Amino acid sequence: MDKEFETMLSQAFELCEDGNHLEALKLYDYVIQKDPKNINALINKAVTLQGLGKVNQAVRLYDKALKINPYNIDALINKGSALHTLEKYSEAIICYDLAINVDKKCAMALAYKGLSLGEIGNLNDAIKHFKKALAIDRKYDLANISKKLAQDLLKDFRKKSKTV
């Protein structure tokens, strides 16, 4: 990657950290205009748009990045996250599965898949995925908290079904 583009992407990241998303988007746009296949610029712009609530636009950019590299874990996980936000849980799970196929030890993909499984009511599988994520990264807060929540929901469900 061109040194100038690397510097611009670093600046854009810093701008996002400071909450100056619109200026960051300008830098991402510049890099993408000059180098349309710059996967980092595409993904980072998509993440910024997703953070601004422009989730459909973000998904389109993740798709562009995945056309360049269908095995890019960041694009797969972030696209899954965006689809989850759009309540397209089954599509999100497909993204997480693809990411897991690329890296079996991707705790984030496992935990995020657990979240989507939980949303569609598959609590047992959700818990299994949270446990797998925790086996890889014991301190992964998202997996820990979500596993506990899913277990509590499952207990409540079982109690209610016994009293009915």
N, C-alpha and C. Protein backbone atom coordinates (compact mmCIF):
# COMPACT_ATOMS: atom_id res chain seq x y z
N MET A 1 0.85 -1.19 0.00
CA MET A 1 0.00 0.00 0.00
C MET A 1 0.89 1.24 0.00
N ASP A 2 0.46 2.20 -0.73
CA ASP A 2 1.15 3.47 -0.85
C ASP A 2 1.29 4.12 0.54
N LYS A 3 2.49 4.63 0.81
CA LYS A 3 2.77 5.27 2.11
C LYS A 3 1.81 6.44 2.39
N GLU A 4 1.50 7.20 1.34
CA GLU A 4 0.56 8.33 1.47
C GLU A 4 -0.81 7.83 1.94
N PHE A 5 -1.27 6.71 1.36
CA PHE A 5 -2.57 6.16 1.73
C PHE A 5 -2.55 5.62 3.16
N GLU A 6 -1.45 4.99 3.53
CA GLU A 6 -1.32 4.50 4.91
C GLU A 6 -1.46 5.65 5.89
N THR A 7 -0.79 6.74 5.60
CA THR A 7 -0.85 7.92 6.47
C THR A 7 -2.28 8.47 6.53
N MET A 8 -2.93 8.53 5.39
CA MET A 8 -4.31 9.04 5.35
C MET A 8 -5.26 8.13 6.13
N LEU A 9 -5.08 6.83 6.01
CA LEU A 9 -5.93 5.90 6.75
C LEU A 9 -5.70 6.03 8.26
N SER A 10 -4.46 6.24 8.65
CA SER A 10 -4.16 6.47 10.08
C SER A 10 -4.82 7.76 10.56
N GLN A 11 -4.74 8.79 9.74
CA GLN A 11 -5.37 10.07 10.10
C GLN A 11 -6.88 9.90 10.19
N ALA A 12 -7.46 9.16 9.25
CA ALA A 12 -8.91 8.95 9.27
C ALA A 12 -9.32 8.19 10.54
N PHE A 13 -8.52 7.20 10.90
CA PHE A 13 -8.80 6.45 12.13
C PHE A 13 -8.78 7.38 13.34
N GLU A 14 -7.78 8.23 13.41
CA GLU A 14 -7.67 9.20 14.52
C GLU A 14 -8.87 10.15 14.53
N LEU A 15 -9.27 10.60 13.36
CA LEU A 15 -10.44 11.48 13.28
C LEU A 15 -11.69 10.78 13.82
N CYS A 16 -11.85 9.51 13.49
CA CYS A 16 -12.99 8.73 14.02
C CYS A 16 -12.91 8.62 15.53
N GLU A 17 -11.72 8.36 16.03
CA GLU A 17 -11.53 8.26 17.48
C GLU A 17 -11.92 9.57 18.17
N ASP A 18 -11.67 10.69 17.49
CA ASP A 18 -12.01 12.00 18.05
C ASP A 18 -13.45 12.40 17.76
N GLY A 19 -14.20 11.52 17.08
CA GLY A 19 -15.60 11.81 16.79
C GLY A 19 -15.83 12.65 15.55
N ASN A 20 -14.77 12.86 14.78
CA ASN A 20 -14.88 13.68 13.58
C ASN A 20 -15.07 12.76 12.36
N HIS A 21 -16.22 12.11 12.32
CA HIS A 21 -16.50 11.08 11.32
C HIS A 21 -16.59 11.63 9.90
N LEU A 22 -17.16 12.81 9.74
CA LEU A 22 -17.32 13.36 8.39
C LEU A 22 -15.98 13.66 7.74
N GLU A 23 -15.03 14.17 8.52
CA GLU A 23 -13.69 14.41 7.97
C GLU A 23 -13.01 13.08 7.65
N ALA A 24 -13.22 12.09 8.49
CA ALA A 24 -12.64 10.77 8.23
C ALA A 24 -13.20 10.19 6.94
N LEU A 25 -14.50 10.35 6.73
CA LEU A 25 -15.13 9.84 5.51
C LEU A 25 -14.52 10.49 4.26
N LYS A 26 -14.19 11.77 4.36
CA LYS A 26 -13.56 12.46 3.22
C LYS A 26 -12.21 11.80 2.88
N LEU A 27 -11.45 11.47 3.91
CA LEU A 27 -10.15 10.82 3.67
C LEU A 27 -10.35 9.43 3.07
N TYR A 28 -11.31 8.68 3.62
CA TYR A 28 -11.58 7.35 3.05
C TYR A 28 -12.00 7.47 1.59
N ASP A 29 -12.86 8.44 1.30
CA ASP A 29 -13.31 8.64 -0.08
C ASP A 29 -12.14 8.96 -1.01
N TYR A 30 -11.23 9.79 -0.53
CA TYR A 30 -10.07 10.15 -1.35
C TYR A 30 -9.24 8.91 -1.67
N VAL A 31 -8.96 8.11 -0.65
CA VAL A 31 -8.16 6.91 -0.86
C VAL A 31 -8.88 5.95 -1.82
N ILE A 32 -10.18 5.76 -1.61
CA ILE A 32 -10.95 4.85 -2.45
C ILE A 32 -11.02 5.37 -3.90
N GLN A 33 -11.12 6.68 -4.06
CA GLN A 33 -11.16 7.25 -5.41
C GLN A 33 -9.84 6.96 -6.14
N LYS A 34 -8.73 7.10 -5.43
CA LYS A 34 -7.41 6.89 -6.04
C LYS A 34 -7.07 5.40 -6.16
N ASP A 35 -7.58 4.60 -5.22
CA ASP A 35 -7.28 3.16 -5.19
C ASP A 35 -8.56 2.40 -4.82
N PRO A 36 -9.45 2.15 -5.80
CA PRO A 36 -10.76 1.54 -5.53
C PRO A 36 -10.70 0.15 -4.90
N LYS A 37 -9.54 -0.50 -4.97
CA LYS A 37 -9.40 -1.84 -4.40
C LYS A 37 -8.70 -1.82 -3.04
N ASN A 38 -8.62 -0.63 -2.43
CA ASN A 38 -7.98 -0.53 -1.12
C ASN A 38 -8.95 -1.08 -0.07
N ILE A 39 -8.75 -2.32 0.28
CA ILE A 39 -9.70 -3.03 1.15
C ILE A 39 -9.79 -2.40 2.54
N ASN A 40 -8.66 -1.89 3.04
CA ASN A 40 -8.70 -1.26 4.37
C ASN A 40 -9.55 0.01 4.36
N ALA A 41 -9.42 0.79 3.30
CA ALA A 41 -10.22 2.01 3.21
C ALA A 41 -11.71 1.67 3.09
N LEU A 42 -12.03 0.65 2.29
CA LEU A 42 -13.43 0.23 2.13
C LEU A 42 -14.02 -0.22 3.46
N ILE A 43 -13.29 -1.08 4.17
CA ILE A 43 -13.80 -1.61 5.45
C ILE A 43 -13.91 -0.50 6.48
N ASN A 44 -12.88 0.33 6.59
CA ASN A 44 -12.90 1.39 7.60
C ASN A 44 -13.99 2.42 7.31
N LYS A 45 -14.22 2.71 6.03
CA LYS A 45 -15.32 3.63 5.70
C LYS A 45 -16.64 2.97 6.07
N ALA A 46 -16.78 1.68 5.78
CA ALA A 46 -18.01 0.97 6.13
C ALA A 46 -18.25 0.97 7.64
N VAL A 47 -17.21 0.73 8.41
CA VAL A 47 -17.33 0.75 9.88
C VAL A 47 -17.79 2.13 10.35
N THR A 48 -17.22 3.17 9.75
CA THR A 48 -17.59 4.54 10.11
C THR A 48 -19.06 4.80 9.77
N LEU A 49 -19.47 4.40 8.58
CA LEU A 49 -20.87 4.58 8.18
C LEU A 49 -21.81 3.79 9.10
N GLN A 50 -21.40 2.57 9.44
CA GLN A 50 -22.21 1.75 10.34
C GLN A 50 -22.37 2.44 11.68
N GLY A 51 -21.30 3.02 12.18
CA GLY A 51 -21.36 3.75 13.44
C GLY A 51 -22.26 4.98 13.38
N LEU A 52 -22.41 5.52 12.18
CA LEU A 52 -23.28 6.68 11.98
C LEU A 52 -24.73 6.27 11.69
N GLY A 53 -24.98 4.96 11.72
CA GLY A 53 -26.34 4.47 11.49
C GLY A 53 -26.68 4.25 10.03
N LYS A 54 -25.71 4.40 9.16
CA LYS A 54 -25.93 4.19 7.72
C LYS A 54 -25.55 2.75 7.38
N VAL A 55 -26.35 1.84 7.92
CA VAL A 55 -26.00 0.42 7.92
C VAL A 55 -26.10 -0.19 6.52
N ASN A 56 -27.11 0.17 5.75
CA ASN A 56 -27.23 -0.39 4.40
C ASN A 56 -26.04 0.02 3.52
N GLN A 57 -25.61 1.28 3.64
CA GLN A 57 -24.44 1.74 2.90
C GLN A 57 -23.21 0.95 3.34
N ALA A 58 -23.11 0.70 4.63
CA ALA A 58 -21.97 -0.07 5.15
C ALA A 58 -21.96 -1.48 4.55
N VAL A 59 -23.11 -2.12 4.50
CA VAL A 59 -23.18 -3.48 3.94
C VAL A 59 -22.69 -3.48 2.49
N ARG A 60 -23.09 -2.48 1.73
CA ARG A 60 -22.64 -2.41 0.32
C ARG A 60 -21.12 -2.30 0.23
N LEU A 61 -20.52 -1.54 1.13
CA LEU A 61 -19.05 -1.41 1.12
C LEU A 61 -18.38 -2.71 1.57
N TYR A 62 -18.96 -3.38 2.57
CA TYR A 62 -18.40 -4.67 2.96
C TYR A 62 -18.45 -5.64 1.79
N ASP A 63 -19.55 -5.59 1.02
CA ASP A 63 -19.66 -6.45 -0.16
C ASP A 63 -18.58 -6.13 -1.19
N LYS A 64 -18.29 -4.84 -1.39
CA LYS A 64 -17.21 -4.46 -2.31
C LYS A 64 -15.87 -5.03 -1.83
N ALA A 65 -15.63 -4.91 -0.53
CA ALA A 65 -14.38 -5.44 0.03
C ALA A 65 -14.32 -6.96 -0.14
N LEU A 66 -15.46 -7.62 0.03
CA LEU A 66 -15.48 -9.09 -0.08
C LEU A 66 -15.35 -9.54 -1.54
N LYS A 67 -15.70 -8.69 -2.49
CA LYS A 67 -15.45 -9.02 -3.90
C LYS A 67 -13.95 -9.03 -4.17
N ILE A 68 -13.24 -8.15 -3.48
CA ILE A 68 -11.78 -8.08 -3.64
C ILE A 68 -11.13 -9.26 -2.92
N ASN A 69 -11.58 -9.54 -1.70
CA ASN A 69 -11.05 -10.66 -0.93
C ASN A 69 -12.19 -11.32 -0.15
N PRO A 70 -12.76 -12.41 -0.68
CA PRO A 70 -13.90 -13.06 -0.03
C PRO A 70 -13.57 -13.69 1.32
N TYR A 71 -12.28 -13.75 1.67
CA TYR A 71 -11.86 -14.38 2.93
C TYR A 71 -11.42 -13.36 3.97
N ASN A 72 -11.71 -12.09 3.74
CA ASN A 72 -11.29 -11.06 4.69
C ASN A 72 -12.16 -11.14 5.94
N ILE A 73 -11.57 -11.53 7.04
CA ILE A 73 -12.31 -11.76 8.28
C ILE A 73 -12.95 -10.47 8.79
N ASP A 74 -12.24 -9.35 8.71
CA ASP A 74 -12.81 -8.09 9.19
C ASP A 74 -14.07 -7.73 8.41
N ALA A 75 -14.02 -7.89 7.11
CA ALA A 75 -15.20 -7.58 6.28
C ALA A 75 -16.34 -8.54 6.60
N LEU A 76 -16.04 -9.81 6.78
CA LEU A 76 -17.08 -10.81 7.07
C LEU A 76 -17.74 -10.54 8.42
N ILE A 77 -16.94 -10.31 9.45
CA ILE A 77 -17.50 -10.08 10.79
C ILE A 77 -18.29 -8.77 10.83
N ASN A 78 -17.72 -7.72 10.23
CA ASN A 78 -18.42 -6.43 10.25
C ASN A 78 -19.70 -6.46 9.43
N LYS A 79 -19.67 -7.18 8.29
CA LYS A 79 -20.90 -7.31 7.50
C LYS A 79 -21.94 -8.07 8.33
N GLY A 80 -21.50 -9.13 9.02
CA GLY A 80 -22.42 -9.87 9.88
C GLY A 80 -23.02 -8.98 10.96
N SER A 81 -22.18 -8.15 11.55
CA SER A 81 -22.64 -7.22 12.58
C SER A 81 -23.67 -6.24 12.02
N ALA A 82 -23.41 -5.74 10.81
CA ALA A 82 -24.36 -4.82 10.18
C ALA A 82 -25.68 -5.52 9.88
N LEU A 83 -25.61 -6.74 9.36
CA LEU A 83 -26.83 -7.50 9.08
C LEU A 83 -27.59 -7.79 10.37
N HIS A 84 -26.87 -8.08 11.45
CA HIS A 84 -27.49 -8.30 12.76
C HIS A 84 -28.26 -7.04 13.18
N THR A 85 -27.63 -5.88 13.00
CA THR A 85 -28.28 -4.60 13.32
C THR A 85 -29.57 -4.43 12.52
N LEU A 86 -29.56 -4.91 11.28
CA LEU A 86 -30.74 -4.83 10.42
C LEU A 86 -31.74 -5.96 10.70
N GLU A 87 -31.46 -6.74 11.74
CA GLU A 87 -32.28 -7.88 12.16
C GLU A 87 -32.36 -8.96 11.08
N LYS A 88 -31.32 -9.07 10.29
CA LYS A 88 -31.19 -10.14 9.29
C LYS A 88 -30.26 -11.19 9.88
N TYR A 89 -30.75 -11.86 10.91
CA TYR A 89 -29.92 -12.74 11.72
C TYR A 89 -29.38 -13.94 10.94
N SER A 90 -30.20 -14.55 10.09
CA SER A 90 -29.75 -15.71 9.32
C SER A 90 -28.63 -15.32 8.36
N GLU A 91 -28.75 -14.15 7.74
CA GLU A 91 -27.69 -13.67 6.85
C GLU A 91 -26.42 -13.35 7.64
N ALA A 92 -26.60 -12.80 8.83
CA ALA A 92 -25.44 -12.52 9.69
C ALA A 92 -24.72 -13.81 10.04
N ILE A 93 -25.49 -14.84 10.37
CA ILE A 93 -24.89 -16.13 10.74
C ILE A 93 -24.06 -16.69 9.58
N ILE A 94 -24.53 -16.50 8.36
CA ILE A 94 -23.77 -16.95 7.19
C ILE A 94 -22.40 -16.26 7.15
N CYS A 95 -22.38 -14.96 7.41
CA CYS A 95 -21.11 -14.22 7.43
C CYS A 95 -20.19 -14.74 8.52
N TYR A 96 -20.76 -14.98 9.70
CA TYR A 96 -19.93 -15.48 10.80
C TYR A 96 -19.40 -16.87 10.49
N ASP A 97 -20.23 -17.71 9.86
CA ASP A 97 -19.77 -19.05 9.48
C ASP A 97 -18.61 -18.97 8.49
N LEU A 98 -18.71 -18.06 7.54
CA LEU A 98 -17.62 -17.88 6.58
C LEU A 98 -16.34 -17.44 7.30
N ALA A 99 -16.48 -16.52 8.25
CA ALA A 99 -15.31 -16.06 9.01
C ALA A 99 -14.72 -17.21 9.83
N ILE A 100 -15.58 -18.03 10.42
CA ILE A 100 -15.11 -19.17 11.22
C ILE A 100 -14.42 -20.19 10.32
N ASN A 101 -14.91 -20.35 9.09
CA ASN A 101 -14.24 -21.26 8.15
C ASN A 101 -12.84 -20.78 7.81
N VAL A 102 -12.64 -19.47 7.77
CA VAL A 102 -11.33 -18.89 7.50
C VAL A 102 -10.43 -19.05 8.72
N ASP A 103 -10.98 -18.81 9.91
CA ASP A 103 -10.20 -18.88 11.16
C ASP A 103 -11.07 -19.52 12.24
N LYS A 104 -10.83 -20.80 12.47
CA LYS A 104 -11.63 -21.57 13.43
C LYS A 104 -11.52 -21.01 14.85
N LYS A 105 -10.46 -20.24 15.11
CA LYS A 105 -10.24 -19.70 16.46
C LYS A 105 -10.58 -18.21 16.56
N CYS A 106 -11.49 -17.77 15.72
CA CYS A 106 -11.91 -16.36 15.76
C CYS A 106 -13.01 -16.21 16.81
N ALA A 107 -12.59 -15.82 18.02
CA ALA A 107 -13.52 -15.70 19.14
C ALA A 107 -14.65 -14.71 18.84
N MET A 108 -14.32 -13.63 18.16
CA MET A 108 -15.34 -12.62 17.87
C MET A 108 -16.43 -13.20 16.96
N ALA A 109 -16.04 -13.91 15.91
CA ALA A 109 -17.03 -14.51 15.00
C ALA A 109 -17.91 -15.51 15.75
N LEU A 110 -17.31 -16.29 16.63
CA LEU A 110 -18.07 -17.27 17.41
C LEU A 110 -19.06 -16.58 18.34
N ALA A 111 -18.61 -15.55 19.03
CA ALA A 111 -19.47 -14.84 19.97
C ALA A 111 -20.60 -14.10 19.23
N TYR A 112 -20.25 -13.45 18.13
CA TYR A 112 -21.27 -12.73 17.36
C TYR A 112 -22.30 -13.71 16.78
N LYS A 113 -21.82 -14.87 16.34
CA LYS A 113 -22.76 -15.89 15.85
C LYS A 113 -23.69 -16.29 16.99
N GLY A 114 -23.14 -16.42 18.19
CA GLY A 114 -23.96 -16.74 19.36
C GLY A 114 -25.05 -15.69 19.58
N LEU A 115 -24.70 -14.43 19.40
CA LEU A 115 -25.70 -13.36 19.56
C LEU A 115 -26.83 -13.51 18.54
N SER A 116 -26.47 -13.77 17.29
CA SER A 116 -27.51 -13.92 16.26
C SER A 116 -28.35 -15.17 16.50
N LEU A 117 -27.70 -16.25 16.93
CA LEU A 117 -28.45 -17.47 17.26
C LEU A 117 -29.44 -17.20 18.39
N GLY A 118 -29.00 -16.43 19.38
CA GLY A 118 -29.88 -16.07 20.49
C GLY A 118 -31.08 -15.27 20.02
N GLU A 119 -30.84 -14.36 19.08
CA GLU A 119 -31.93 -13.52 18.57
C GLU A 119 -33.01 -14.33 17.86
N ILE A 120 -32.61 -15.45 17.24
CA ILE A 120 -33.62 -16.27 16.56
C ILE A 120 -34.16 -17.36 17.48
N GLY A 121 -33.79 -17.28 18.78
CA GLY A 121 -34.35 -18.19 19.77
C GLY A 121 -33.61 -19.49 19.94
N ASN A 122 -32.46 -19.63 19.33
CA ASN A 122 -31.69 -20.86 19.44
C ASN A 122 -30.67 -20.71 20.57
N LEU A 123 -31.19 -20.71 21.80
CA LEU A 123 -30.34 -20.40 22.97
C LEU A 123 -29.30 -21.47 23.24
N ASN A 124 -29.64 -22.74 23.03
CA ASN A 124 -28.66 -23.80 23.29
C ASN A 124 -27.43 -23.64 22.39
N ASP A 125 -27.66 -23.42 21.09
CA ASP A 125 -26.53 -23.22 20.18
C ASP A 125 -25.81 -21.91 20.48
N ALA A 126 -26.55 -20.89 20.89
CA ALA A 126 -25.92 -19.62 21.25
C ALA A 126 -24.93 -19.84 22.39
N ILE A 127 -25.37 -20.56 23.41
CA ILE A 127 -24.50 -20.82 24.57
C ILE A 127 -23.27 -21.60 24.13
N LYS A 128 -23.44 -22.59 23.26
CA LYS A 128 -22.30 -23.37 22.76
C LYS A 128 -21.27 -22.46 22.08
N HIS A 129 -21.77 -21.50 21.30
CA HIS A 129 -20.85 -20.60 20.60
C HIS A 129 -20.15 -19.64 21.57
N PHE A 130 -20.87 -19.18 22.58
CA PHE A 130 -20.23 -18.33 23.59
C PHE A 130 -19.14 -19.12 24.32
N LYS A 131 -19.42 -20.39 24.62
CA LYS A 131 -18.43 -21.23 25.30
C LYS A 131 -17.20 -21.46 24.42
N LYS A 132 -17.43 -21.67 23.12
CA LYS A 132 -16.30 -21.85 22.20
C LYS A 132 -15.44 -20.58 22.16
N ALA A 133 -16.11 -19.43 22.12
CA ALA A 133 -15.38 -18.15 22.10
C ALA A 133 -14.56 -18.00 23.38
N LEU A 134 -15.16 -18.37 24.51
CA LEU A 134 -14.46 -18.25 25.80
C LEU A 134 -13.33 -19.26 25.92
N ALA A 135 -13.44 -20.40 25.26
CA ALA A 135 -12.35 -21.38 25.27
C ALA A 135 -11.12 -20.82 24.56
N ILE A 136 -11.37 -19.94 23.60
CA ILE A 136 -10.28 -19.30 22.86
C ILE A 136 -9.76 -18.09 23.62
N ASP A 137 -10.68 -17.30 24.18
CA ASP A 137 -10.33 -16.07 24.89
C ASP A 137 -11.18 -15.99 26.16
N ARG A 138 -10.61 -16.44 27.26
CA ARG A 138 -11.35 -16.53 28.54
C ARG A 138 -11.84 -15.17 29.04
N LYS A 139 -11.19 -14.12 28.62
CA LYS A 139 -11.54 -12.78 29.13
C LYS A 139 -12.44 -12.01 28.17
N TYR A 140 -13.03 -12.68 27.21
CA TYR A 140 -13.86 -12.01 26.21
C TYR A 140 -15.20 -11.65 26.86
N ASP A 141 -15.31 -10.38 27.26
CA ASP A 141 -16.48 -9.90 28.02
C ASP A 141 -17.80 -10.15 27.30
N LEU A 142 -17.84 -9.86 26.01
CA LEU A 142 -19.08 -10.04 25.25
C LEU A 142 -19.57 -11.48 25.35
N ALA A 143 -18.66 -12.43 25.20
CA ALA A 143 -19.04 -13.84 25.27
C ALA A 143 -19.46 -14.22 26.68
N ASN A 144 -18.75 -13.73 27.68
CA ASN A 144 -19.08 -14.03 29.08
C ASN A 144 -20.46 -13.52 29.45
N ILE A 145 -20.70 -12.27 29.17
CA ILE A 145 -21.98 -11.64 29.52
C ILE A 145 -23.13 -12.29 28.75
N SER A 146 -22.92 -12.50 27.46
CA SER A 146 -23.96 -13.07 26.61
C SER A 146 -24.28 -14.52 27.00
N LYS A 147 -23.24 -15.27 27.34
CA LYS A 147 -23.45 -16.67 27.76
C LYS A 147 -24.33 -16.70 29.01
N LYS A 148 -24.01 -15.85 29.97
CA LYS A 148 -24.78 -15.80 31.22
C LYS A 148 -26.23 -15.41 30.92
N LEU A 149 -26.43 -14.41 30.09
CA LEU A 149 -27.77 -13.95 29.74
C LEU A 149 -28.55 -15.08 29.06
N ALA A 150 -27.93 -15.75 28.10
CA ALA A 150 -28.60 -16.84 27.38
C ALA A 150 -28.95 -17.98 28.33
N GLN A 151 -28.04 -18.29 29.24
CA GLN A 151 -28.31 -19.35 30.22
C GLN A 151 -29.49 -18.97 31.12
N ASP A 152 -29.53 -17.71 31.56
CA ASP A 152 -30.65 -17.25 32.40
C ASP A 152 -31.97 -17.31 31.63
N LEU A 153 -31.95 -16.88 30.37
CA LEU A 153 -33.16 -16.93 29.55
C LEU A 153 -33.64 -18.37 29.36
N LEU A 154 -32.69 -19.27 29.15
CA LEU A 154 -33.02 -20.69 28.96
C LEU A 154 -33.63 -21.27 30.24
N LYS A 155 -33.06 -20.91 31.40
CA LYS A 155 -33.61 -21.37 32.69
C LYS A 155 -35.04 -20.86 32.88
N ASP A 156 -35.24 -19.56 32.60
CA ASP A 156 -36.59 -18.97 32.72
C ASP A 156 -37.57 -19.67 31.79
N PHE A 157 -37.14 -19.94 30.58
CA PHE A 157 -37.99 -20.61 29.59
C PHE A 157 -38.38 -22.00 30.10
N ARG A 158 -37.40 -22.72 30.63
CA ARG A 158 -37.67 -24.07 31.12
C ARG A 158 -38.60 -24.06 32.32
N LYS A 159 -38.42 -23.08 33.21
CA LYS A 159 -39.31 -22.96 34.37
C LYS A 159 -40.75 -22.70 33.92
N LYS A 160 -40.90 -21.77 32.97
CA LYS A 160 -42.23 -21.42 32.49
C LYS A 160 -42.89 -22.60 31.78
N SER A 161 -42.11 -23.37 31.03
CA SER A 161 -42.71 -24.49 30.29
C SER A 161 -43.09 -25.63 31.26
N LYS A 162 -42.45 -25.70 32.42
CA LYS A 162 -42.82 -26.72 33.42
C LYS A 162 -44.12 -26.34 34.14
N THR A 163 -44.34 -25.03 34.31
CA THR A 163 -45.53 -24.57 35.03
C THR A 163 -46.77 -24.51 34.14
N VAL A 164 -46.57 -24.63 32.86
CA VAL A 164 -47.72 -24.55 31.92
C VAL A 164 -48.41 -25.88 31.78
